Amino acid sequence: KTEGRMITAGKLSERVAILHPEVTRAESGEQITQYKEVKEVWASVVFQRGAQALSMGEVWLNRSVVITMRNNSVITERSRLRWDNKTYIIESMNRSGHDGSITITATVVDEGNG
């Protein structure tokens, strides 16, 4: 029998907020989804490799990050994350029973102002 190693606290040096969707209806009947912070956790955040890509003749920056945190029951695939004053949508999530962690690939959300 092998014991899994827990993720060490020293590697979790960034504060990341977990946001959950709240759906309301406007007077017009339009559905509005807002994300509210439910928990803040310590995490490791690393920008993904391959930061540039070519798309229709334009160079654009890949704004994806890999976030690792301790496993918790709060986060789901529908959650969003806030780090460094930016909001990220979860692309994929992998819970590891081996070290008690969750590894998340997330991409920054463009929140147009106006």
PDB file of N, CA and C in Angstrom:
ATOM      1  N   LYS A   1       0.847  -1.186   0.000  1.00  0.00           N
ATOM      2  CA  LYS A   1       0.000   0.000   0.000  1.00  0.00           C
ATOM      3  C   LYS A   1       0.891   1.248   0.000  1.00  0.00           C
ATOM      4  N   THR A   2       0.611   2.170  -0.907  1.00  0.00           N
ATOM      5  CA  THR A   2       1.390   3.414  -0.949  1.00  0.00           C
ATOM      6  C   THR A   2       0.537   4.564  -0.454  1.00  0.00           C
ATOM      7  N   GLU A   3       1.141   5.393   0.360  1.00  0.00           N
ATOM      8  CA  GLU A   3       0.443   6.568   0.869  1.00  0.00           C
ATOM      9  C   GLU A   3       0.626   7.726  -0.104  1.00  0.00           C
ATOM     10  N   GLY A   4      -0.453   8.439  -0.414  1.00  0.00           N
ATOM     11  CA  GLY A   4      -0.356   9.616  -1.269  1.00  0.00           C
ATOM     12  C   GLY A   4       0.228  10.779  -0.484  1.00  0.00           C
ATOM     13  N   ARG A   5       0.962  11.623  -1.151  1.00  0.00           N
ATOM     14  CA  ARG A   5       1.512  12.812  -0.504  1.00  0.00           C
ATOM     15  C   ARG A   5       0.551  13.964  -0.673  1.00  0.00           C
ATOM     16  N   MET A   6       0.311  14.663   0.400  1.00  0.00           N
ATOM     17  CA  MET A   6      -0.545  15.838   0.328  1.00  0.00           C
ATOM     18  C   MET A   6       0.224  16.974  -0.337  1.00  0.00           C
ATOM     19  N   ILE A   7      -0.489  17.811  -1.037  1.00  0.00           N
ATOM     20  CA  ILE A   7       0.129  18.980  -1.666  1.00  0.00           C
ATOM     21  C   ILE A   7       0.651  19.893  -0.552  1.00  0.00           C
ATOM     22  N   THR A   8       1.859  20.409  -0.716  1.00  0.00           N
ATOM     23  CA  THR A   8       2.471  21.184   0.366  1.00  0.00           C
ATOM     24  C   THR A   8       2.022  22.635   0.329  1.00  0.00           C
ATOM     25  N   ALA A   9       1.866  23.215   1.514  1.00  0.00           N
ATOM     26  CA  ALA A   9       1.359  24.582   1.642  1.00  0.00           C
ATOM     27  C   ALA A   9       2.285  25.586   0.971  1.00  0.00           C
ATOM     28  N   GLY A  10       3.602  25.345   0.988  1.00  0.00           N
ATOM     29  CA  GLY A  10       4.557  26.280   0.405  1.00  0.00           C
ATOM     30  C   GLY A  10       4.363  26.506  -1.080  1.00  0.00           C
ATOM     31  N   LYS A  11       3.775  25.524  -1.775  1.00  0.00           N
ATOM     32  CA  LYS A  11       3.549  25.662  -3.212  1.00  0.00           C
ATOM     33  C   LYS A  11       2.298  26.494  -3.510  1.00  0.00           C
ATOM     34  N   LEU A  12       1.470  26.668  -2.501  1.00  0.00           N
ATOM     35  CA  LEU A  12       0.209  27.393  -2.680  1.00  0.00           C
ATOM     36  C   LEU A  12       0.397  28.817  -2.175  1.00  0.00           C
ATOM     37  N   SER A  13       0.893  29.687  -3.051  1.00  0.00           N
ATOM     38  CA  SER A  13       1.291  31.029  -2.611  1.00  0.00           C
ATOM     39  C   SER A  13       0.391  32.145  -3.133  1.00  0.00           C
ATOM     40  N   GLU A  14      -0.647  31.807  -3.879  1.00  0.00           N
ATOM     41  CA  GLU A  14      -1.542  32.810  -4.454  1.00  0.00           C
ATOM     42  C   GLU A  14      -2.946  32.655  -3.870  1.00  0.00           C
ATOM     43  N   ARG A  15      -3.639  33.793  -3.657  1.00  0.00           N
ATOM     44  CA  ARG A  15      -5.032  33.756  -3.198  1.00  0.00           C
ATOM     45  C   ARG A  15      -5.946  33.765  -4.419  1.00  0.00           C
ATOM     46  N   VAL A  16      -6.793  32.755  -4.511  1.00  0.00           N
ATOM     47  CA  VAL A  16      -7.723  32.619  -5.638  1.00  0.00           C
ATOM     48  C   VAL A  16      -9.134  32.529  -5.072  1.00  0.00           C
ATOM     49  N   ALA A  17     -10.047  33.323  -5.614  1.00  0.00           N
ATOM     50  CA  ALA A  17     -11.442  33.303  -5.178  1.00  0.00           C
ATOM     51  C   ALA A  17     -12.236  32.353  -6.064  1.00  0.00           C
ATOM     52  N   ILE A  18     -13.093  31.556  -5.433  1.00  0.00           N
ATOM     53  CA  ILE A  18     -14.013  30.668  -6.154  1.00  0.00           C
ATOM     54  C   ILE A  18     -15.357  31.390  -6.223  1.00  0.00           C
ATOM     55  N   LEU A  19     -15.891  31.523  -7.439  1.00  0.00           N
ATOM     56  CA  LEU A  19     -17.144  32.237  -7.669  1.00  0.00           C
ATOM     57  C   LEU A  19     -18.200  31.255  -8.163  1.00  0.00           C
ATOM     58  N   HIS A  20     -19.433  31.425  -7.684  1.00  0.00           N
ATOM     59  CA  HIS A  20     -20.546  30.597  -8.147  1.00  0.00           C
ATOM     60  C   HIS A  20     -21.561  31.468  -8.886  1.00  0.00           C
ATOM     61  N   PRO A  21     -22.216  30.881  -9.906  1.00  0.00           N
ATOM     62  CA  PRO A  21     -23.208  31.660 -10.653  1.00  0.00           C
ATOM     63  C   PRO A  21     -24.497  31.843  -9.859  1.00  0.00           C
ATOM     64  N   GLU A  22     -25.054  33.051  -9.951  1.00  0.00           N
ATOM     65  CA  GLU A  22     -26.382  33.333  -9.415  1.00  0.00           C
ATOM     66  C   GLU A  22     -27.212  33.882 -10.552  1.00  0.00           C
ATOM     67  N   VAL A  23     -28.342  33.219 -10.832  1.00  0.00           N
ATOM     68  CA  VAL A  23     -29.179  33.621 -11.959  1.00  0.00           C
ATOM     69  C   VAL A  23     -30.384  34.387 -11.435  1.00  0.00           C
ATOM     70  N   THR A  24     -30.611  35.559 -12.013  1.00  0.00           N
ATOM     71  CA  THR A  24     -31.793  36.360 -11.679  1.00  0.00           C
ATOM     72  C   THR A  24     -32.467  36.762 -12.979  1.00  0.00           C
ATOM     73  N   ARG A  25     -33.649  37.339 -12.865  1.00  0.00           N
ATOM     74  CA  ARG A  25     -34.366  37.822 -14.051  1.00  0.00           C
ATOM     75  C   ARG A  25     -34.523  39.334 -13.972  1.00  0.00           C
ATOM     76  N   ALA A  26     -34.230  39.982 -15.085  1.00  0.00           N
ATOM     77  CA  ALA A  26     -34.453  41.423 -15.182  1.00  0.00           C
ATOM     78  C   ALA A  26     -35.945  41.667 -15.379  1.00  0.00           C
ATOM     79  N   GLU A  27     -36.360  42.914 -15.231  1.00  0.00           N
ATOM     80  CA  GLU A  27     -37.777  43.247 -15.433  1.00  0.00           C
ATOM     81  C   GLU A  27     -38.238  42.877 -16.828  1.00  0.00           C
ATOM     82  N   SER A  28     -37.329  42.912 -17.791  1.00  0.00           N
ATOM     83  CA  SER A  28     -37.657  42.555 -19.173  1.00  0.00           C
ATOM     84  C   SER A  28     -37.835  41.053 -19.349  1.00  0.00           C
ATOM     85  N   GLY A  29     -37.500  40.275 -18.294  1.00  0.00           N
ATOM     86  CA  GLY A  29     -37.589  38.824 -18.381  1.00  0.00           C
ATOM     87  C   GLY A  29     -36.273  38.184 -18.791  1.00  0.00           C
ATOM     88  N   GLU A  30     -35.303  39.027 -19.132  1.00  0.00           N
ATOM     89  CA  GLU A  30     -33.992  38.518 -19.534  1.00  0.00           C
ATOM     90  C   GLU A  30     -33.300  37.860 -18.340  1.00  0.00           C
ATOM     91  N   GLN A  31     -32.681  36.718 -18.593  1.00  0.00           N
ATOM     92  CA  GLN A  31     -31.939  36.010 -17.543  1.00  0.00           C
ATOM     93  C   GLN A  31     -30.564  36.634 -17.384  1.00  0.00           C
ATOM     94  N   ILE A  32     -30.196  36.949 -16.154  1.00  0.00           N
ATOM     95  CA  ILE A  32     -28.903  37.574 -15.873  1.00  0.00           C
ATOM     96  C   ILE A  32     -28.124  36.659 -14.936  1.00  0.00           C
ATOM     97  N   THR A  33     -26.893  36.328 -15.332  1.00  0.00           N
ATOM     98  CA  THR A  33     -26.029  35.506 -14.487  1.00  0.00           C
ATOM     99  C   THR A  33     -24.931  36.392 -13.934  1.00  0.00           C
ATOM    100  N   GLN A  34     -24.833  36.413 -12.611  1.00  0.00           N
ATOM    101  CA  GLN A  34     -23.748  37.124 -11.948  1.00  0.00           C
ATOM    102  C   GLN A  34     -22.991  36.108 -11.108  1.00  0.00           C
ATOM    103  N   TYR A  35     -21.686  36.338 -10.968  1.00  0.00           N
ATOM    104  CA  TYR A  35     -20.855  35.416 -10.198  1.00  0.00           C
ATOM    105  C   TYR A  35     -20.502  36.038  -8.863  1.00  0.00           C
ATOM    106  N   LYS A  36     -20.803  35.309  -7.792  1.00  0.00           N
ATOM    107  CA  LYS A  36     -20.558  35.779  -6.428  1.00  0.00           C
ATOM    108  C   LYS A  36     -19.463  34.932  -5.785  1.00  0.00           C
ATOM    109  N   GLU A  37     -18.569  35.600  -5.048  1.00  0.00           N
ATOM    110  CA  GLU A  37     -17.488  34.889  -4.362  1.00  0.00           C
ATOM    111  C   GLU A  37     -18.066  34.060  -3.217  1.00  0.00           C
ATOM    112  N   VAL A  38     -17.671  32.776  -3.164  1.00  0.00           N
ATOM    113  CA  VAL A  38     -18.132  31.902  -2.083  1.00  0.00           C
ATOM    114  C   VAL A  38     -16.988  31.448  -1.182  1.00  0.00           C
ATOM    115  N   LYS A  39     -15.761  31.481  -1.696  1.00  0.00           N
ATOM    116  CA  LYS A  39     -14.628  31.034  -0.887  1.00  0.00           C
ATOM    117  C   LYS A  39     -13.341  31.539  -1.513  1.00  0.00           C
ATOM    118  N   GLU A  40     -12.354  31.835  -0.662  1.00  0.00           N
ATOM    119  CA  GLU A  40     -11.024  32.189  -1.149  1.00  0.00           C
ATOM    120  C   GLU A  40     -10.068  31.125  -0.640  1.00  0.00           C
ATOM    121  N   VAL A  41      -9.191  30.648  -1.533  1.00  0.00           N
ATOM    122  CA  VAL A  41      -8.287  29.553  -1.178  1.00  0.00           C
ATOM    123  C   VAL A  41      -6.863  29.891  -1.596  1.00  0.00           C
ATOM    124  N   TRP A  42      -5.904  29.198  -1.004  1.00  0.00           N
ATOM    125  CA  TRP A  42      -4.506  29.284  -1.434  1.00  0.00           C
ATOM    126  C   TRP A  42      -4.330  28.350  -2.617  1.00  0.00           C
ATOM    127  N   ALA A  43      -3.593  28.819  -3.627  1.00  0.00           N
ATOM    128  CA  ALA A  43      -3.410  28.020  -4.837  1.00  0.00           C
ATOM    129  C   ALA A  43      -2.066  28.351  -5.482  1.00  0.00           C
ATOM    130  N   SER A  44      -1.671  27.490  -6.404  1.00  0.00           N
ATOM    131  CA  SER A  44      -0.519  27.734  -7.267  1.00  0.00           C
ATOM    132  C   SER A  44      -1.082  28.132  -8.626  1.00  0.00           C
ATOM    133  N   VAL A  45      -0.558  29.208  -9.231  1.00  0.00           N
ATOM    134  CA  VAL A  45      -1.031  29.663 -10.537  1.00  0.00           C
ATOM    135  C   VAL A  45       0.169  29.758 -11.471  1.00  0.00           C
ATOM    136  N   VAL A  46       0.085  29.081 -12.621  1.00  0.00           N
ATOM    137  CA  VAL A  46       1.164  29.074 -13.602  1.00  0.00           C
ATOM    138  C   VAL A  46       0.562  29.363 -14.974  1.00  0.00           C
ATOM    139  N   PHE A  47       1.170  30.302 -15.706  1.00  0.00           N
ATOM    140  CA  PHE A  47       0.705  30.550 -17.076  1.00  0.00           C
ATOM    141  C   PHE A  47       1.066  29.361 -17.946  1.00  0.00           C
ATOM    142  N   GLN A  48       0.153  28.999 -18.852  1.00  0.00           N
ATOM    143  CA  GLN A  48       0.415  27.867 -19.731  1.00  0.00           C
ATOM    144  C   GLN A  48       1.514  28.211 -20.723  1.00  0.00           C
ATOM    145  N   ARG A  49       2.240  27.191 -21.138  1.00  0.00           N
ATOM    146  CA  ARG A  49       3.290  27.358 -22.144  1.00  0.00           C
ATOM    147  C   ARG A  49       2.650  27.708 -23.486  1.00  0.00           C
ATOM    148  N   GLY A  50       3.473  28.175 -24.411  1.00  0.00           N
ATOM    149  CA  GLY A  50       2.942  28.524 -25.728  1.00  0.00           C
ATOM    150  C   GLY A  50       2.072  29.752 -25.641  1.00  0.00           C
ATOM    151  N   ALA A  51       2.636  30.850 -25.161  1.00  0.00           N
ATOM    152  CA  ALA A  51       1.844  32.041 -24.875  1.00  0.00           C
ATOM    153  C   ALA A  51       1.380  32.771 -26.122  1.00  0.00           C
ATOM    154  N   GLN A  52       1.911  32.443 -27.290  1.00  0.00           N
ATOM    155  CA  GLN A  52       1.467  33.117 -28.504  1.00  0.00           C
ATOM    156  C   GLN A  52       0.975  32.098 -29.523  1.00  0.00           C
ATOM    157  N   ALA A  53      -0.001  32.497 -30.264  1.00  0.00           N
ATOM    158  CA  ALA A  53      -0.520  31.646 -31.331  1.00  0.00           C
ATOM    159  C   ALA A  53      -0.908  32.542 -32.499  1.00  0.00           C
ATOM    160  N   LEU A  54      -1.002  31.955 -33.690  1.00  0.00           N
ATOM    161  CA  LEU A  54      -1.368  32.718 -34.873  1.00  0.00           C
ATOM    162  C   LEU A  54      -2.817  32.410 -35.214  1.00  0.00           C
ATOM    163  N   SER A  55      -3.629  33.452 -35.360  1.00  0.00           N
ATOM    164  CA  SER A  55      -5.037  33.248 -35.678  1.00  0.00           C
ATOM    165  C   SER A  55      -5.444  34.259 -36.733  1.00  0.00           C
ATOM    166  N   MET A  56      -5.766  33.782 -37.921  1.00  0.00           N
ATOM    167  CA  MET A  56      -6.203  34.636 -39.023  1.00  0.00           C
ATOM    168  C   MET A  56      -5.240  35.812 -39.216  1.00  0.00           C
ATOM    169  N   GLY A  57      -3.939  35.519 -39.180  1.00  0.00           N
ATOM    170  CA  GLY A  57      -2.936  36.539 -39.434  1.00  0.00           C
ATOM    171  C   GLY A  57      -2.603  37.419 -38.247  1.00  0.00           C
ATOM    172  N   GLU A  58      -3.287  37.215 -37.113  1.00  0.00           N
ATOM    173  CA  GLU A  58      -3.024  38.028 -35.929  1.00  0.00           C
ATOM    174  C   GLU A  58      -2.296  37.199 -34.886  1.00  0.00           C
ATOM    175  N   VAL A  59      -1.401  37.849 -34.176  1.00  0.00           N
ATOM    176  CA  VAL A  59      -0.774  37.203 -33.032  1.00  0.00           C
ATOM    177  C   VAL A  59      -1.604  37.563 -31.807  1.00  0.00           C
ATOM    178  N   TRP A  60      -1.973  36.577 -31.030  1.00  0.00           N
ATOM    179  CA  TRP A  60      -2.739  36.849 -29.810  1.00  0.00           C
ATOM    180  C   TRP A  60      -2.104  36.095 -28.661  1.00  0.00           C
ATOM    181  N   LEU A  61      -2.284  36.615 -27.485  1.00  0.00           N
ATOM    182  CA  LEU A  61      -1.712  35.986 -26.299  1.00  0.00           C
ATOM    183  C   LEU A  61      -2.678  34.961 -25.750  1.00  0.00           C
ATOM    184  N   ASN A  62      -2.153  33.808 -25.462  1.00  0.00           N
ATOM    185  CA  ASN A  62      -2.918  32.765 -24.797  1.00  0.00           C
ATOM    186  C   ASN A  62      -3.055  33.185 -23.333  1.00  0.00           C
ATOM    187  N   ARG A  63      -4.278  33.359 -22.878  1.00  0.00           N
ATOM    188  CA  ARG A  63      -4.482  33.849 -21.523  1.00  0.00           C
ATOM    189  C   ARG A  63      -4.997  32.734 -20.619  1.00  0.00           C
ATOM    190  N   SER A  64      -4.429  31.551 -20.812  1.00  0.00           N
ATOM    191  CA  SER A  64      -4.809  30.402 -19.996  1.00  0.00           C
ATOM    192  C   SER A  64      -3.807  30.192 -18.878  1.00  0.00           C
ATOM    193  N   VAL A  65      -4.318  29.736 -17.751  1.00  0.00           N
ATOM    194  CA  VAL A  65      -3.479  29.433 -16.596  1.00  0.00           C
ATOM    195  C   VAL A  65      -3.813  28.033 -16.101  1.00  0.00           C
ATOM    196  N   VAL A  66      -2.850  27.444 -15.391  1.00  0.00           N
ATOM    197  CA  VAL A  66      -3.090  26.185 -14.687  1.00  0.00           C
ATOM    198  C   VAL A  66      -3.067  26.522 -13.203  1.00  0.00           C
ATOM    199  N   ILE A  67      -4.166  26.222 -12.524  1.00  0.00           N
ATOM    200  CA  ILE A  67      -4.323  26.540 -11.105  1.00  0.00           C
ATOM    201  C   ILE A  67      -4.423  25.227 -10.339  1.00  0.00           C
ATOM    202  N   THR A  68      -3.602  25.099  -9.305  1.00  0.00           N
ATOM    203  CA  THR A  68      -3.640  23.913  -8.453  1.00  0.00           C
ATOM    204  C   THR A  68      -4.009  24.354  -7.045  1.00  0.00           C
ATOM    205  N   MET A  69      -4.981  23.671  -6.456  1.00  0.00           N
ATOM    206  CA  MET A  69      -5.413  23.976  -5.086  1.00  0.00           C
ATOM    207  C   MET A  69      -5.761  22.679  -4.378  1.00  0.00           C
ATOM    208  N   ARG A  70      -5.937  22.766  -3.068  1.00  0.00           N
ATOM    209  CA  ARG A  70      -6.379  21.583  -2.328  1.00  0.00           C
ATOM    210  C   ARG A  70      -7.800  21.227  -2.746  1.00  0.00           C
ATOM    211  N   ASN A  71      -8.083  19.924  -2.784  1.00  0.00           N
ATOM    212  CA  ASN A  71      -9.415  19.458  -3.121  1.00  0.00           C
ATOM    213  C   ASN A  71     -10.419  20.056  -2.151  1.00  0.00           C
ATOM    214  N   ASN A  72     -11.563  20.499  -2.658  1.00  0.00           N
ATOM    215  CA  ASN A  72     -12.630  21.025  -1.812  1.00  0.00           C
ATOM    216  C   ASN A  72     -13.967  20.734  -2.473  1.00  0.00           C
ATOM    217  N   SER A  73     -15.021  20.813  -1.690  1.00  0.00           N
ATOM    218  CA  SER A  73     -16.353  20.487  -2.212  1.00  0.00           C
ATOM    219  C   SER A  73     -17.052  21.708  -2.794  1.00  0.00           C
ATOM    220  N   VAL A  74     -16.409  22.879  -2.722  1.00  0.00           N
ATOM    221  CA  VAL A  74     -17.054  24.113  -3.166  1.00  0.00           C
ATOM    222  C   VAL A  74     -16.987  24.271  -4.689  1.00  0.00           C
ATOM    223  N   ILE A  75     -15.834  23.959  -5.274  1.00  0.00           N
ATOM    224  CA  ILE A  75     -15.636  24.233  -6.699  1.00  0.00           C
ATOM    225  C   ILE A  75     -16.296  23.184  -7.578  1.00  0.00           C
ATOM    226  N   THR A  76     -16.910  23.643  -8.673  1.00  0.00           N
ATOM    227  CA  THR A  76     -17.504  22.755  -9.681  1.00  0.00           C
ATOM    228  C   THR A  76     -17.089  23.271 -11.058  1.00  0.00           C
ATOM    229  N   GLU A  77     -17.432  22.531 -12.097  1.00  0.00           N
ATOM    230  CA  GLU A  77     -17.118  22.958 -13.459  1.00  0.00           C
ATOM    231  C   GLU A  77     -17.822  24.262 -13.814  1.00  0.00           C
ATOM    232  N   ARG A  78     -18.924  24.582 -13.116  1.00  0.00           N
ATOM    233  CA  ARG A  78     -19.676  25.812 -13.407  1.00  0.00           C
ATOM    234  C   ARG A  78     -19.125  27.021 -12.658  1.00  0.00           C
ATOM    235  N   SER A  79     -18.206  26.787 -11.730  1.00  0.00           N
ATOM    236  CA  SER A  79     -17.612  27.888 -10.978  1.00  0.00           C
ATOM    237  C   SER A  79     -16.744  28.737 -11.903  1.00  0.00           C
ATOM    238  N   ARG A  80     -16.451  29.932 -11.454  1.00  0.00           N
ATOM    239  CA  ARG A  80     -15.414  30.749 -12.088  1.00  0.00           C
ATOM    240  C   ARG A  80     -14.396  31.064 -11.011  1.00  0.00           C
ATOM    241  N   LEU A  81     -13.231  31.527 -11.429  1.00  0.00           N
ATOM    242  CA  LEU A  81     -12.158  31.838 -10.490  1.00  0.00           C
ATOM    243  C   LEU A  81     -11.722  33.278 -10.693  1.00  0.00           C
ATOM    244  N   ARG A  82     -11.329  33.943  -9.595  1.00  0.00           N
ATOM    245  CA  ARG A  82     -10.778  35.285  -9.706  1.00  0.00           C
ATOM    246  C   ARG A  82      -9.376  35.271  -9.131  1.00  0.00           C
ATOM    247  N   TRP A  83      -8.429  35.763  -9.947  1.00  0.00           N
ATOM    248  CA  TRP A  83      -7.035  35.863  -9.520  1.00  0.00           C
ATOM    249  C   TRP A  83      -6.425  37.074 -10.202  1.00  0.00           C
ATOM    250  N   ASP A  84      -5.663  37.848  -9.472  1.00  0.00           N
ATOM    251  CA  ASP A  84      -4.963  39.008 -10.021  1.00  0.00           C
ATOM    252  C   ASP A  84      -5.945  39.981 -10.699  1.00  0.00           C
ATOM    253  N   ASN A  85      -7.106  40.170 -10.061  1.00  0.00           N
ATOM    254  CA  ASN A  85      -8.163  41.075 -10.563  1.00  0.00           C
ATOM    255  C   ASN A  85      -8.738  40.679 -11.913  1.00  0.00           C
ATOM    256  N   LYS A  86      -8.585  39.417 -12.287  1.00  0.00           N
ATOM    257  CA  LYS A  86      -9.175  38.918 -13.530  1.00  0.00           C
ATOM    258  C   LYS A  86     -10.057  37.715 -13.200  1.00  0.00           C
ATOM    259  N   THR A  87     -11.109  37.528 -14.003  1.00  0.00           N
ATOM    260  CA  THR A  87     -12.016  36.396 -13.827  1.00  0.00           C
ATOM    261  C   THR A  87     -11.693  35.342 -14.879  1.00  0.00           C
ATOM    262  N   TYR A  88     -11.673  34.089 -14.446  1.00  0.00           N
ATOM    263  CA  TYR A  88     -11.315  32.971 -15.324  1.00  0.00           C
ATOM    264  C   TYR A  88     -12.457  31.969 -15.393  1.00  0.00           C
ATOM    265  N   ILE A  89     -12.690  31.455 -16.601  1.00  0.00           N
ATOM    266  CA  ILE A  89     -13.668  30.383 -16.805  1.00  0.00           C
ATOM    267  C   ILE A  89     -12.909  29.053 -16.814  1.00  0.00           C
ATOM    268  N   ILE A  90     -13.484  28.045 -16.172  1.00  0.00           N
ATOM    269  CA  ILE A  90     -12.836  26.737 -16.062  1.00  0.00           C
ATOM    270  C   ILE A  90     -13.018  25.964 -17.365  1.00  0.00           C
ATOM    271  N   GLU A  91     -11.895  25.552 -17.952  1.00  0.00           N
ATOM    272  CA  GLU A  91     -11.923  24.738 -19.169  1.00  0.00           C
ATOM    273  C   GLU A  91     -11.921  23.252 -18.817  1.00  0.00           C
ATOM    274  N   SER A  92     -11.096  22.883 -17.830  1.00  0.00           N
ATOM    275  CA  SER A  92     -11.038  21.482 -17.399  1.00  0.00           C
ATOM    276  C   SER A  92     -10.617  21.437 -15.939  1.00  0.00           C
ATOM    277  N   MET A  93     -10.974  20.345 -15.287  1.00  0.00           N
ATOM    278  CA  MET A  93     -10.718  20.208 -13.860  1.00  0.00           C
ATOM    279  C   MET A  93     -10.410  18.741 -13.574  1.00  0.00           C
ATOM    280  N   ASN A  94      -9.324  18.486 -12.834  1.00  0.00           N
ATOM    281  CA  ASN A  94      -8.924  17.119 -12.517  1.00  0.00           C
ATOM    282  C   ASN A  94      -8.651  17.003 -11.022  1.00  0.00           C
ATOM    283  N   ARG A  95      -9.475  16.212 -10.327  1.00  0.00           N
ATOM    284  CA  ARG A  95      -9.272  15.980  -8.903  1.00  0.00           C
ATOM    285  C   ARG A  95      -8.350  14.778  -8.733  1.00  0.00           C
ATOM    286  N   SER A  96      -7.297  14.947  -7.933  1.00  0.00           N
ATOM    287  CA  SER A  96      -6.341  13.876  -7.700  1.00  0.00           C
ATOM    288  C   SER A  96      -6.523  13.301  -6.309  1.00  0.00           C
ATOM    289  N   GLY A  97      -6.832  12.006  -6.234  1.00  0.00           N
ATOM    290  CA  GLY A  97      -6.891  11.335  -4.948  1.00  0.00           C
ATOM    291  C   GLY A  97      -5.496  11.087  -4.399  1.00  0.00           C
ATOM    292  N   HIS A  98      -4.512  11.117  -5.280  1.00  0.00           N
ATOM    293  CA  HIS A  98      -3.122  10.819  -4.903  1.00  0.00           C
ATOM    294  C   HIS A  98      -2.558  11.845  -3.929  1.00  0.00           C
ATOM    295  N   ASP A  99      -2.721  13.143  -4.254  1.00  0.00           N
ATOM    296  CA  ASP A  99      -2.141  14.165  -3.369  1.00  0.00           C
ATOM    297  C   ASP A  99      -3.184  15.135  -2.812  1.00  0.00           C
ATOM    298  N   GLY A 100      -4.481  14.852  -3.025  1.00  0.00           N
ATOM    299  CA  GLY A 100      -5.528  15.695  -2.460  1.00  0.00           C
ATOM    300  C   GLY A 100      -5.649  17.041  -3.126  1.00  0.00           C
ATOM    301  N   SER A 101      -5.293  17.124  -4.415  1.00  0.00           N
ATOM    302  CA  SER A 101      -5.328  18.405  -5.111  1.00  0.00           C
ATOM    303  C   SER A 101      -6.370  18.408  -6.222  1.00  0.00           C
ATOM    304  N   ILE A 102      -6.646  19.615  -6.716  1.00  0.00           N
ATOM    305  CA  ILE A 102      -7.439  19.810  -7.931  1.00  0.00           C
ATOM    306  C   ILE A 102      -6.551  20.624  -8.868  1.00  0.00           C
ATOM    307  N   THR A 103      -6.411  20.162 -10.112  1.00  0.00           N
ATOM    308  CA  THR A 103      -5.676  20.913 -11.125  1.00  0.00           C
ATOM    309  C   THR A 103      -6.697  21.421 -12.132  1.00  0.00           C
ATOM    310  N   ILE A 104      -6.677  22.733 -12.359  1.00  0.00           N
ATOM    311  CA  ILE A 104      -7.680  23.394 -13.192  1.00  0.00           C
ATOM    312  C   ILE A 104      -6.980  24.140 -14.314  1.00  0.00           C
ATOM    313  N   THR A 105      -7.478  23.962 -15.538  1.00  0.00           N
ATOM    314  CA  THR A 105      -7.050  24.807 -16.651  1.00  0.00           C
ATOM    315  C   THR A 105      -8.159  25.828 -16.841  1.00  0.00           C
ATOM    316  N   ALA A 106      -7.786  27.118 -16.854  1.00  0.00           N
ATOM    317  CA  ALA A 106      -8.792  28.181 -16.933  1.00  0.00           C
ATOM    318  C   ALA A 106      -8.300  29.271 -17.873  1.00  0.00           C
ATOM    319  N   THR A 107      -9.256  29.969 -18.483  1.00  0.00           N
ATOM    320  CA  THR A 107      -8.958  31.043 -19.428  1.00  0.00           C
ATOM    321  C   THR A 107      -9.620  32.325 -18.960  1.00  0.00           C
ATOM    322  N   VAL A 108      -8.906  33.430 -19.091  1.00  0.00           N
ATOM    323  CA  VAL A 108      -9.448  34.721 -18.640  1.00  0.00           C
ATOM    324  C   VAL A 108     -10.690  35.072 -19.456  1.00  0.00           C
ATOM    325  N   VAL A 109     -11.689  35.652 -18.777  1.00  0.00           N
ATOM    326  CA  VAL A 109     -12.943  36.044 -19.403  1.00  0.00           C
ATOM    327  C   VAL A 109     -12.841  37.506 -19.796  1.00  0.00           C
ATOM    328  N   ASP A 110     -13.217  37.822 -21.020  1.00  0.00           N
ATOM    329  CA  ASP A 110     -13.294  39.235 -21.414  1.00  0.00           C
ATOM    330  C   ASP A 110     -14.598  39.791 -20.876  1.00  0.00           C
ATOM    331  N   GLU A 111     -14.480  40.700 -19.933  1.00  0.00           N
ATOM    332  CA  GLU A 111     -15.678  41.324 -19.379  1.00  0.00           C
ATOM    333  C   GLU A 111     -15.751  42.729 -19.933  1.00  0.00           C
ATOM    334  N   GLY A 112     -16.380  42.839 -21.095  1.00  0.00           N
ATOM    335  CA  GLY A 112     -16.434  44.126 -21.778  1.00  0.00           C
ATOM    336  C   GLY A 112     -17.096  45.193 -20.915  1.00  0.00           C
ATOM    337  N   ASN A 113     -16.481  46.337 -20.855  1.00  0.00           N
ATOM    338  CA  ASN A 113     -17.042  47.440 -20.063  1.00  0.00           C
ATOM    339  C   ASN A 113     -17.694  48.447 -20.999  1.00  0.00           C
ATOM    340  N   GLY A 114     -18.912  48.106 -21.437  1.00  0.00           N
ATOM    341  CA  GLY A 114     -19.626  49.085 -22.231  1.00  0.00           C
ATOM    342  C   GLY A 114     -19.767  48.738 -23.616  1.00  0.00           C
TER     343      GLY A 114
END
